[in-house]
PDB file of N, CA and C in Angstrom:
ATOM      1  N   UNK A   1       0.846  -1.155   0.000  1.00  0.00           N
ATOM      2  CA  UNK A   1       0.000   0.000   0.000  1.00  0.00           C
ATOM      3  C   UNK A   1       0.903   1.232   0.000  1.00  0.00           C
ATOM      4  N   UNK A   2       0.584   2.143  -0.862  1.00  0.00           N
ATOM      5  CA  UNK A   2       1.405   3.337  -0.971  1.00  0.00           C
ATOM      6  C   UNK A   2       1.018   4.321   0.116  1.00  0.00           C
ATOM      7  N   UNK A   3       1.867   5.299   0.326  1.00  0.00           N
ATOM      8  CA  UNK A   3       1.627   6.308   1.351  1.00  0.00           C
ATOM      9  C   UNK A   3       0.379   7.096   1.023  1.00  0.00           C
ATOM     10  N   UNK A   4       0.161   7.324  -0.235  1.00  0.00           N
ATOM     11  CA  UNK A   4      -1.002   8.100  -0.655  1.00  0.00           C
ATOM     12  C   UNK A   4      -2.280   7.340  -0.385  1.00  0.00           C
ATOM     13  N   UNK A   5      -2.308   6.058  -0.770  1.00  0.00           N
ATOM     14  CA  UNK A   5      -3.526   5.276  -0.543  1.00  0.00           C
ATOM     15  C   UNK A   5      -3.757   5.066   0.946  1.00  0.00           C
ATOM     16  N   UNK A   6      -2.668   4.923   1.713  1.00  0.00           N
ATOM     17  CA  UNK A   6      -2.798   4.782   3.170  1.00  0.00           C
ATOM     18  C   UNK A   6      -3.404   6.052   3.765  1.00  0.00           C
ATOM     19  N   UNK A   7      -2.980   7.196   3.274  1.00  0.00           N
ATOM     20  CA  UNK A   7      -3.500   8.471   3.756  1.00  0.00           C
ATOM     21  C   UNK A   7      -4.991   8.569   3.467  1.00  0.00           C
ATOM     22  N   UNK A   8      -5.371   8.219   2.217  1.00  0.00           N
ATOM     23  CA  UNK A   8      -6.788   8.279   1.857  1.00  0.00           C
ATOM     24  C   UNK A   8      -7.607   7.293   2.663  1.00  0.00           C
ATOM     25  N   UNK A   9      -7.048   6.124   2.896  1.00  0.00           N
ATOM     26  CA  UNK A   9      -7.752   5.114   3.691  1.00  0.00           C
ATOM     27  C   UNK A   9      -7.969   5.612   5.110  1.00  0.00           C
ATOM     28  N   UNK A  10      -6.945   6.190   5.719  1.00  0.00           N
ATOM     29  CA  UNK A  10      -7.067   6.729   7.084  1.00  0.00           C
ATOM     30  C   UNK A  10      -8.011   7.915   7.081  1.00  0.00           C
ATOM     31  N   UNK A  11      -7.889   8.790   6.081  1.00  0.00           N
ATOM     32  CA  UNK A  11      -8.735   9.970   6.000  1.00  0.00           C
ATOM     33  C   UNK A  11     -10.193   9.549   5.820  1.00  0.00           C
ATOM     34  N   UNK A  12     -10.461   8.545   4.965  1.00  0.00           N
ATOM     35  CA  UNK A  12     -11.816   8.077   4.735  1.00  0.00           C
ATOM     36  C   UNK A  12     -12.387   7.464   6.012  1.00  0.00           C
ATOM     37  N   UNK A  13     -11.560   6.674   6.695  1.00  0.00           N
ATOM     38  CA  UNK A  13     -12.012   6.056   7.938  1.00  0.00           C
ATOM     39  C   UNK A  13     -12.327   7.138   8.963  1.00  0.00           C
ATOM     40  N   UNK A  14     -11.496   8.139   9.048  1.00  0.00           N
ATOM     41  CA  UNK A  14     -11.715   9.239   9.966  1.00  0.00           C
ATOM     42  C   UNK A  14     -13.002   9.960   9.613  1.00  0.00           C
ATOM     43  N   UNK A  15     -13.249  10.213   8.347  1.00  0.00           N
ATOM     44  CA  UNK A  15     -14.468  10.875   7.900  1.00  0.00           C
ATOM     45  C   UNK A  15     -15.667   9.982   8.187  1.00  0.00           C
ATOM     46  N   UNK A  16     -15.483   8.700   7.963  1.00  0.00           N
ATOM     47  CA  UNK A  16     -16.570   7.752   8.224  1.00  0.00           C
ATOM     48  C   UNK A  16     -16.939   7.760   9.707  1.00  0.00           C
ATOM     49  N   UNK A  17     -15.958   7.781  10.590  1.00  0.00           N
ATOM     50  CA  UNK A  17     -16.208   7.842  12.034  1.00  0.00           C
ATOM     51  C   UNK A  17     -16.891   9.154  12.418  1.00  0.00           C
ATOM     52  N   UNK A  18     -16.426  10.260  11.808  1.00  0.00           N
ATOM     53  CA  UNK A  18     -17.031  11.557  12.095  1.00  0.00           C
ATOM     54  C   UNK A  18     -18.478  11.592  11.617  1.00  0.00           C
ATOM     55  N   UNK A  19     -18.734  10.979  10.471  1.00  0.00           N
ATOM     56  CA  UNK A  19     -20.091  10.957   9.930  1.00  0.00           C
ATOM     57  C   UNK A  19     -20.992  10.051  10.763  1.00  0.00           C
ATOM     58  N   UNK A  20     -20.434   8.972  11.269  1.00  0.00           N
ATOM     59  CA  UNK A  20     -21.222   8.066  12.094  1.00  0.00           C
ATOM     60  C   UNK A  20     -21.621   8.735  13.405  1.00  0.00           C
ATOM     61  N   UNK A  21     -20.743   9.487  13.966  1.00  0.00           N
ATOM     62  CA  UNK A  21     -21.032  10.107  15.246  1.00  0.00           C
ATOM     63  C   UNK A  21     -22.261  11.009  15.167  1.00  0.00           C
ATOM     64  N   UNK A  22     -22.362  11.890  14.202  1.00  0.00           N
ATOM     65  CA  UNK A  22     -23.594  12.688  14.106  1.00  0.00           C
ATOM     66  C   UNK A  22     -24.821  11.820  13.834  1.00  0.00           C
ATOM     67  N   UNK A  23     -24.657  10.755  13.043  1.00  0.00           N
ATOM     68  CA  UNK A  23     -25.787   9.852  12.786  1.00  0.00           C
ATOM     69  C   UNK A  23     -26.236   9.189  14.088  1.00  0.00           C
ATOM     70  N   UNK A  24     -25.268   8.743  14.873  1.00  0.00           N
ATOM     71  CA  UNK A  24     -25.611   8.112  16.148  1.00  0.00           C
ATOM     72  C   UNK A  24     -26.299   9.120  17.063  1.00  0.00           C
ATOM     73  N   UNK A  25     -25.798  10.340  17.037  1.00  0.00           N
ATOM     74  CA  UNK A  25     -26.428  11.380  17.853  1.00  0.00           C
ATOM     75  C   UNK A  25     -27.852  11.660  17.362  1.00  0.00           C
ATOM     76  N   UNK A  26     -28.027  11.674  16.050  1.00  0.00           N
ATOM     77  CA  UNK A  26     -29.359  11.914  15.498  1.00  0.00           C
ATOM     78  C   UNK A  26     -30.310  10.774  15.876  1.00  0.00           C
ATOM     79  N   UNK A  27     -29.794   9.538  15.831  1.00  0.00           N
ATOM     80  CA  UNK A  27     -30.612   8.387  16.235  1.00  0.00           C
ATOM     81  C   UNK A  27     -31.002   8.518  17.705  1.00  0.00           C
ATOM     82  N   UNK A  28     -30.037   8.921  18.523  1.00  0.00           N
ATOM     83  CA  UNK A  28     -30.322   9.112  19.945  1.00  0.00           C
ATOM     84  C   UNK A  28     -31.344  10.230  20.154  1.00  0.00           C
ATOM     85  N   UNK A  29     -31.183  11.324  19.406  1.00  0.00           N
ATOM     86  CA  UNK A  29     -32.135  12.432  19.496  1.00  0.00           C
ATOM     87  C   UNK A  29     -33.525  11.958  19.085  1.00  0.00           C
ATOM     88  N   UNK A  30     -33.599  11.205  17.983  1.00  0.00           N
ATOM     89  CA  UNK A  30     -34.893  10.692  17.522  1.00  0.00           C
ATOM     90  C   UNK A  30     -35.531   9.770  18.554  1.00  0.00           C
ATOM     91  N   UNK A  31     -34.713   8.910  19.165  1.00  0.00           N
ATOM     92  CA  UNK A  31     -35.241   8.014  20.195  1.00  0.00           C
ATOM     93  C   UNK A  31     -35.759   8.802  21.398  1.00  0.00           C
ATOM     94  N   UNK A  32     -35.002   9.792  21.828  1.00  0.00           N
ATOM     95  CA  UNK A  32     -35.428  10.604  22.966  1.00  0.00           C
ATOM     96  C   UNK A  32     -36.688  11.391  22.647  1.00  0.00           C
ATOM     97  N   UNK A  33     -36.789  11.910  21.412  1.00  0.00           N
ATOM     98  CA  UNK A  33     -38.001  12.630  21.024  1.00  0.00           C
ATOM     99  C   UNK A  33     -39.200  11.689  21.004  1.00  0.00           C
ATOM    100  N   UNK A  34     -38.995  10.479  20.523  1.00  0.00           N
ATOM    101  CA  UNK A  34     -40.075   9.490  20.514  1.00  0.00           C
ATOM    102  C   UNK A  34     -40.506   9.159  21.943  1.00  0.00           C
ATOM    103  N   UNK A  35     -39.521   8.925  22.815  1.00  0.00           N
ATOM    104  CA  UNK A  35     -39.832   8.619  24.216  1.00  0.00           C
ATOM    105  C   UNK A  35     -40.559   9.782  24.880  1.00  0.00           C
ATOM    106  N   UNK A  36     -40.096  10.998  24.597  1.00  0.00           N
ATOM    107  CA  UNK A  36     -40.750  12.181  25.152  1.00  0.00           C
ATOM    108  C   UNK A  36     -42.192  12.280  24.663  1.00  0.00           C
ATOM    109  N   UNK A  37     -42.398  12.041  23.400  1.00  0.00           N
ATOM    110  CA  UNK A  37     -43.757  12.048  22.840  1.00  0.00           C
ATOM    111  C   UNK A  37     -44.627  10.993  23.490  1.00  0.00           C
ATOM    112  N   UNK A  38     -44.061   9.802  23.700  1.00  0.00           N
ATOM    113  CA  UNK A  38     -44.820   8.724  24.334  1.00  0.00           C
ATOM    114  C   UNK A  38     -45.176   9.086  25.772  1.00  0.00           C
ATOM    115  N   UNK A  39     -44.217   9.668  26.488  1.00  0.00           N
ATOM    116  CA  UNK A  39     -44.478  10.086  27.877  1.00  0.00           C
ATOM    117  C   UNK A  39     -45.538  11.186  27.899  1.00  0.00           C
ATOM    118  N   UNK A  40     -45.455  12.124  26.978  1.00  0.00           N
ATOM    119  CA  UNK A  40     -46.452  13.204  26.920  1.00  0.00           C
ATOM    120  C   UNK A  40     -47.840  12.637  26.642  1.00  0.00           C
ATOM    121  N   UNK A  41     -47.927  11.712  25.680  1.00  0.00           N
ATOM    122  CA  UNK A  41     -49.227  11.114  25.368  1.00  0.00           C
ATOM    123  C   UNK A  41     -49.778  10.366  26.578  1.00  0.00           C
ATOM    124  N   UNK A  42     -48.902   9.636  27.254  1.00  0.00           N
ATOM    125  CA  UNK A  42     -49.326   8.872  28.432  1.00  0.00           C
ATOM    126  C   UNK A  42     -49.792   9.813  29.546  1.00  0.00           C
ATOM    127  N   UNK A  43     -49.040  10.888  29.787  1.00  0.00           N
ATOM    128  CA  UNK A  43     -49.434  11.825  30.847  1.00  0.00           C
ATOM    129  C   UNK A  43     -50.678  12.601  30.452  1.00  0.00           C
ATOM    130  N   UNK A  44     -50.807  12.945  29.173  1.00  0.00           N
ATOM    131  CA  UNK A  44     -52.031  13.628  28.723  1.00  0.00           C
ATOM    132  C   UNK A  44     -53.251  12.740  28.947  1.00  0.00           C
ATOM    133  N   UNK A  45     -53.103  11.466  28.640  1.00  0.00           N
ATOM    134  CA  UNK A  45     -54.201  10.520  28.860  1.00  0.00           C
ATOM    135  C   UNK A  45     -54.517  10.409  30.342  1.00  0.00           C
ATOM    136  N   UNK A  46     -53.482  10.330  31.168  1.00  0.00           N
ATOM    137  CA  UNK A  46     -53.687  10.225  32.609  1.00  0.00           C
ATOM    138  C   UNK A  46     -54.341  11.494  33.162  1.00  0.00           C
ATOM    139  N   UNK A  47     -53.892  12.646  32.698  1.00  0.00           N
ATOM    140  CA  UNK A  47     -54.461  13.916  33.152  1.00  0.00           C
ATOM    141  C   UNK A  47     -55.938  13.992  32.747  1.00  0.00           C
ATOM    142  N   UNK A  48     -56.243  13.601  31.528  1.00  0.00           N
ATOM    143  CA  UNK A  48     -57.639  13.618  31.063  1.00  0.00           C
ATOM    144  C   UNK A  48     -58.485  12.670  31.908  1.00  0.00           C
ATOM    145  N   UNK A  49     -57.937  11.520  32.225  1.00  0.00           N
ATOM    146  CA  UNK A  49     -58.653  10.557  33.065  1.00  0.00           C
ATOM    147  C   UNK A  49     -58.890  11.125  34.459  1.00  0.00           C
ATOM    148  N   UNK A  50     -57.880  11.752  35.028  1.00  0.00           N
ATOM    149  CA  UNK A  50     -58.020  12.344  36.364  1.00  0.00           C
ATOM    150  C   UNK A  50     -59.001  13.512  36.356  1.00  0.00           C
ATOM    151  N   UNK A  51     -58.988  14.303  35.296  1.00  0.00           N
ATOM    152  CA  UNK A  51     -59.954  15.410  35.196  1.00  0.00           C
ATOM    153  C   UNK A  51     -61.376  14.884  35.133  1.00  0.00           C
ATOM    154  N   UNK A  52     -61.566  13.786  34.380  1.00  0.00           N
ATOM    155  CA  UNK A  52     -62.893  13.184  34.298  1.00  0.00           C
ATOM    156  C   UNK A  52     -63.319  12.652  35.656  1.00  0.00           C
ATOM    157  N   UNK A  53     -62.393  12.044  36.360  1.00  0.00           N
ATOM    158  CA  UNK A  53     -62.688  11.515  37.703  1.00  0.00           C
ATOM    159  C   UNK A  53     -63.076  12.654  38.652  1.00  0.00           C
ATOM    160  N   UNK A  54     -62.345  13.765  38.587  1.00  0.00           N
ATOM    161  CA  UNK A  54     -62.663  14.932  39.420  1.00  0.00           C
ATOM    162  C   UNK A  54     -64.058  15.442  39.081  1.00  0.00           C
ATOM    163  N   UNK A  55     -64.380  15.524  37.797  1.00  0.00           N
ATOM    164  CA  UNK A  55     -65.704  15.995  37.384  1.00  0.00           C
ATOM    165  C   UNK A  55     -66.789  15.056  37.919  1.00  0.00           C
ATOM    166  N   UNK A  56     -66.548  13.751  37.829  1.00  0.00           N
ATOM    167  CA  UNK A  56     -67.515  12.777  38.350  1.00  0.00           C
ATOM    168  C   UNK A  56     -67.687  12.925  39.860  1.00  0.00           C
ATOM    169  N   UNK A  57     -66.583  13.100  40.562  1.00  0.00           N
ATOM    170  CA  UNK A  57     -66.652  13.257  42.013  1.00  0.00           C
ATOM    171  C   UNK A  57     -67.349  14.556  42.403  1.00  0.00           C
ATOM    172  N   UNK A  58     -67.095  15.626  41.652  1.00  0.00           N
ATOM    173  CA  UNK A  58     -67.779  16.889  41.932  1.00  0.00           C
ATOM    174  C   UNK A  58     -69.284  16.735  41.745  1.00  0.00           C
ATOM    175  N   UNK A  59     -69.688  15.992  40.729  1.00  0.00           N
ATOM    176  CA  UNK A  59     -71.104  15.734  40.500  1.00  0.00           C
ATOM    177  C   UNK A  59     -71.696  14.932  41.663  1.00  0.00           C
ATOM    178  N   UNK A  60     -70.961  13.935  42.140  1.00  0.00           N
ATOM    179  CA  UNK A  60     -71.422  13.135  43.283  1.00  0.00           C
ATOM    180  C   UNK A  60     -71.549  14.002  44.530  1.00  0.00           C
ATOM    181  N   UNK A  61     -70.600  14.894  44.740  1.00  0.00           N
ATOM    182  CA  UNK A  61     -70.658  15.792  45.903  1.00  0.00           C
ATOM    183  C   UNK A  61     -71.875  16.699  45.799  1.00  0.00           C
ATOM    184  N   UNK A  62     -72.128  17.216  44.612  1.00  0.00           N
ATOM    185  CA  UNK A  62     -73.279  18.089  44.396  1.00  0.00           C
ATOM    186  C   UNK A  62     -74.571  17.335  44.698  1.00  0.00           C
ATOM    187  N   UNK A  63     -74.675  16.107  44.217  1.00  0.00           N
ATOM    188  CA  UNK A  63     -75.864  15.301  44.477  1.00  0.00           C
ATOM    189  C   UNK A  63     -75.999  14.994  45.969  1.00  0.00           C
ATOM    190  N   UNK A  64     -74.891  14.691  46.616  1.00  0.00           N
ATOM    191  CA  UNK A  64     -74.927  14.402  48.057  1.00  0.00           C
ATOM    192  C   UNK A  64     -75.357  15.640  48.844  1.00  0.00           C
ATOM    193  N   UNK A  65     -74.906  16.810  48.422  1.00  0.00           N
ATOM    194  CA  UNK A  65     -75.316  18.049  49.098  1.00  0.00           C
ATOM    195  C   UNK A  65     -76.813  18.287  48.929  1.00  0.00           C
ATOM    196  N   UNK A  66     -77.325  18.043  47.718  1.00  0.00           N
ATOM    197  CA  UNK A  66     -78.758  18.195  47.490  1.00  0.00           C
ATOM    198  C   UNK A  66     -79.543  17.248  48.402  1.00  0.00           C
ATOM    199  N   UNK A  67     -79.099  15.994  48.483  1.00  0.00           N
ATOM    200  CA  UNK A  67     -79.766  15.028  49.345  1.00  0.00           C
ATOM    201  C   UNK A  67     -79.692  15.460  50.806  1.00  0.00           C
ATOM    202  N   UNK A  68     -78.541  15.968  51.225  1.00  0.00           N
ATOM    203  CA  UNK A  68     -78.383  16.433  52.603  1.00  0.00           C
ATOM    204  C   UNK A  68     -79.294  17.620  52.873  1.00  0.00           C
ATOM    205  N   UNK A  69     -79.404  18.540  51.904  1.00  0.00           N
ATOM    206  CA  UNK A  69     -80.313  19.683  52.059  1.00  0.00           C
ATOM    207  C   UNK A  69     -81.760  19.227  52.182  1.00  0.00           C
ATOM    208  N   UNK A  70     -82.153  18.273  51.343  1.00  0.00           N
ATOM    209  CA  UNK A  70     -83.513  17.742  51.410  1.00  0.00           C
ATOM    210  C   UNK A  70     -83.759  17.080  52.764  1.00  0.00           C
ATOM    211  N   UNK A  71     -82.804  16.296  53.218  1.00  0.00           N
ATOM    212  CA  UNK A  71     -82.943  15.625  54.511  1.00  0.00           C
ATOM    213  C   UNK A  71     -83.052  16.662  55.628  1.00  0.00           C
ATOM    214  N   UNK A  72     -82.217  17.700  55.576  1.00  0.00           N
ATOM    215  CA  UNK A  72     -82.234  18.746  56.591  1.00  0.00           C
ATOM    216  C   UNK A  72     -83.589  19.462  56.591  1.00  0.00           C
ATOM    217  N   UNK A  73     -84.076  19.824  55.406  1.00  0.00           N
ATOM    218  CA  UNK A  73     -85.375  20.513  55.314  1.00  0.00           C
ATOM    219  C   UNK A  73     -86.488  19.634  55.879  1.00  0.00           C
ATOM    220  N   UNK A  74     -86.479  18.358  55.503  1.00  0.00           N
ATOM    221  CA  UNK A  74     -87.502  17.435  56.006  1.00  0.00           C
ATOM    222  C   UNK A  74     -87.400  17.308  57.520  1.00  0.00           C
ATOM    223  N   UNK A  75     -86.188  17.259  58.036  1.00  0.00           N
ATOM    224  CA  UNK A  75     -85.977  17.157  59.481  1.00  0.00           C
ATOM    225  C   UNK A  75     -86.490  18.404  60.188  1.00  0.00           C
ATOM    226  N   UNK A  76     -86.199  19.573  59.642  1.00  0.00           N
ATOM    227  CA  UNK A  76     -86.678  20.830  60.226  1.00  0.00           C
ATOM    228  C   UNK A  76     -88.203  20.862  60.191  1.00  0.00           C
ATOM    229  N   UNK A  77     -88.764  20.422  59.081  1.00  0.00           N
ATOM    230  CA  UNK A  77     -90.226  20.396  58.960  1.00  0.00           C
ATOM    231  C   UNK A  77     -90.847  19.448  59.993  1.00  0.00           C
ATOM    232  N   UNK A  78     -90.273  18.273  60.141  1.00  0.00           N
ATOM    233  CA  UNK A  78     -90.780  17.309  61.150  1.00  0.00           C
ATOM    234  C   UNK A  78     -90.640  17.886  62.560  1.00  0.00           C
ATOM    235  N   UNK A  79     -89.513  18.512  62.830  1.00  0.00           N
ATOM    236  CA  UNK A  79     -89.316  19.109  64.158  1.00  0.00           C
ATOM    237  C   UNK A  79     -90.306  20.242  64.401  1.00  0.00           C
ATOM    238  N   UNK A  80     -90.571  21.041  63.365  1.00  0.00           N
ATOM    239  CA  UNK A  80     -91.546  22.127  63.487  1.00  0.00           C
ATOM    240  C   UNK A  80     -92.934  21.551  63.762  1.00  0.00           C
ATOM    241  N   UNK A  81     -93.290  20.515  63.041  1.00  0.00           N
ATOM    242  CA  UNK A  81     -94.589  19.865  63.266  1.00  0.00           C
ATOM    243  C   UNK A  81     -94.662  19.261  64.659  1.00  0.00           C
ATOM    244  N   UNK A  82     -93.581  18.616  65.087  1.00  0.00           N
ATOM    245  CA  UNK A  82     -93.565  18.006  66.421  1.00  0.00           C
ATOM    246  C   UNK A  82     -93.687  19.077  67.498  1.00  0.00           C
ATOM    247  N   UNK A  83     -92.994  20.196  67.304  1.00  0.00           N
ATOM    248  CA  UNK A  83     -93.081  21.292  68.274  1.00  0.00           C
ATOM    249  C   UNK A  83     -94.499  21.865  68.300  1.00  0.00           C
ATOM    250  N   UNK A  84     -95.092  22.044  67.138  1.00  0.00           N
ATOM    251  CA  UNK A  84     -96.463  22.559  67.065  1.00  0.00           C
ATOM    252  C   UNK A  84     -97.433  21.602  67.756  1.00  0.00           C
ATOM    253  N   UNK A  85     -97.245  20.310  67.523  1.00  0.00           N
ATOM    254  CA  UNK A  85     -98.117  19.325  68.175  1.00  0.00           C
ATOM    255  C   UNK A  85     -97.910  19.335  69.686  1.00  0.00           C
ATOM    256  N   UNK A  86     -96.662  19.491  70.113  1.00  0.00           N
ATOM    257  CA  UNK A  86     -96.390  19.540  71.554  1.00  0.00           C
ATOM    258  C   UNK A  86     -97.060  20.760  72.164  1.00  0.00           C
ATOM    259  N   UNK A  87     -97.039  21.874  71.471  1.00  0.00           N
ATOM    260  CA  UNK A  87     -97.716  23.080  71.952  1.00  0.00           C
ATOM    261  C   UNK A  87     -99.223  22.861  72.018  1.00  0.00           C
ATOM    262  N   UNK A  88     -99.760  22.205  71.009  1.00  0.00           N
ATOM    263  CA  UNK A  88    -101.190  21.929  71.015  1.00  0.00           C
ATOM    264  C   UNK A  88    -101.571  21.024  72.177  1.00  0.00           C
ATOM    265  N   UNK A  89    -100.744  20.003  72.433  1.00  0.00           N
ATOM    266  CA  UNK A  89    -101.009  19.102  73.555  1.00  0.00           C
ATOM    267  C   UNK A  89    -100.933  19.877  74.865  1.00  0.00           C
ATOM    268  N   UNK A  90     -99.948  20.731  74.996  1.00  0.00           N
ATOM    269  CA  UNK A  90     -99.819  21.534  76.212  1.00  0.00           C
ATOM    270  C   UNK A  90    -101.029  22.441  76.378  1.00  0.00           C
ATOM    271  N   UNK A  91    -101.409  23.089  75.300  1.00  0.00           N
ATOM    272  CA  UNK A  91    -102.562  23.970  75.341  1.00  0.00           C
ATOM    273  C   UNK A  91    -103.828  23.189  75.669  1.00  0.00           C
ATOM    274  N   UNK A  92    -103.975  22.056  75.064  1.00  0.00           N
ATOM    275  CA  UNK A  92    -105.131  21.202  75.318  1.00  0.00           C
ATOM    276  C   UNK A  92    -105.138  20.769  76.776  1.00  0.00           C
ATOM    277  N   UNK A  93    -103.955  20.406  77.295  1.00  0.00           N
ATOM    278  CA  UNK A  93    -103.875  19.990  78.693  1.00  0.00           C
ATOM    279  C   UNK A  93    -104.216  21.150  79.622  1.00  0.00           C
ATOM    280  N   UNK A  94    -103.749  22.335  79.315  1.00  0.00           N
ATOM    281  CA  UNK A  94    -104.059  23.506  80.122  1.00  0.00           C
ATOM    282  C   UNK A  94    -105.559  23.809  80.084  1.00  0.00           C
ATOM    283  N   UNK A  95    -106.123  23.772  78.888  1.00  0.00           N
ATOM    284  CA  UNK A  95    -107.534  24.039  78.755  1.00  0.00           C
ATOM    285  C   UNK A  95    -108.378  22.974  79.453  1.00  0.00           C
ATOM    286  N   UNK A  96    -107.961  21.775  79.360  1.00  0.00           N
ATOM    287  CA  UNK A  96    -108.683  20.684  79.983  1.00  0.00           C
ATOM    288  C   UNK A  96    -108.587  20.786  81.499  1.00  0.00           C
ATOM    289  N   UNK A  97    -107.400  21.208  81.960  1.00  0.00           N
ATOM    290  CA  UNK A  97    -107.211  21.381  83.389  1.00  0.00           C
ATOM    291  C   UNK A  97    -108.053  22.527  83.916  1.00  0.00           C
ATOM    292  N   UNK A  98    -108.224  23.561  83.134  1.00  0.00           N
ATOM    293  CA  UNK A  98    -109.025  24.701  83.547  1.00  0.00           C
ATOM    294  C   UNK A  98    -110.507  24.334  83.622  1.00  0.00           C
ATOM    295  N   UNK A  99    -110.887  23.409  82.782  1.00  0.00           N
ATOM    296  CA  UNK A  99    -112.298  23.011  82.752  1.00  0.00           C
ATOM    297  C   UNK A  99    -112.681  22.170  83.960  1.00  0.00           C
ATOM    298  N   UNK A 100    -111.783  21.544  84.613  1.00  0.00           N
ATOM    299  CA  UNK A 100    -112.087  20.671  85.740  1.00  0.00           C
ATOM    300  C   UNK A 100    -112.207  21.414  86.978  1.00  0.00           C
TER     301      UNK A 100
END
């Protein structure tokens, strides 16, 4: 092998190594971008799922509050009726006692 061909062979190999390095870096960049995209899609899906769950839970809380309000109103109404009846019984007892 002549000195000239040896030089070209070494120079070509050196260029080939230099060219491979950017290609390897580009492959690594592409892989990382793909992984990042996959992670973003996965987290977006998870976030959407969690948002839906929050919306469902908020709806359940709203319904539970309505039920609690209805129960409270009914309880107040029953207590008001019971108090009114107790007053009537007291009044009736007083009136009956006065009649004797």
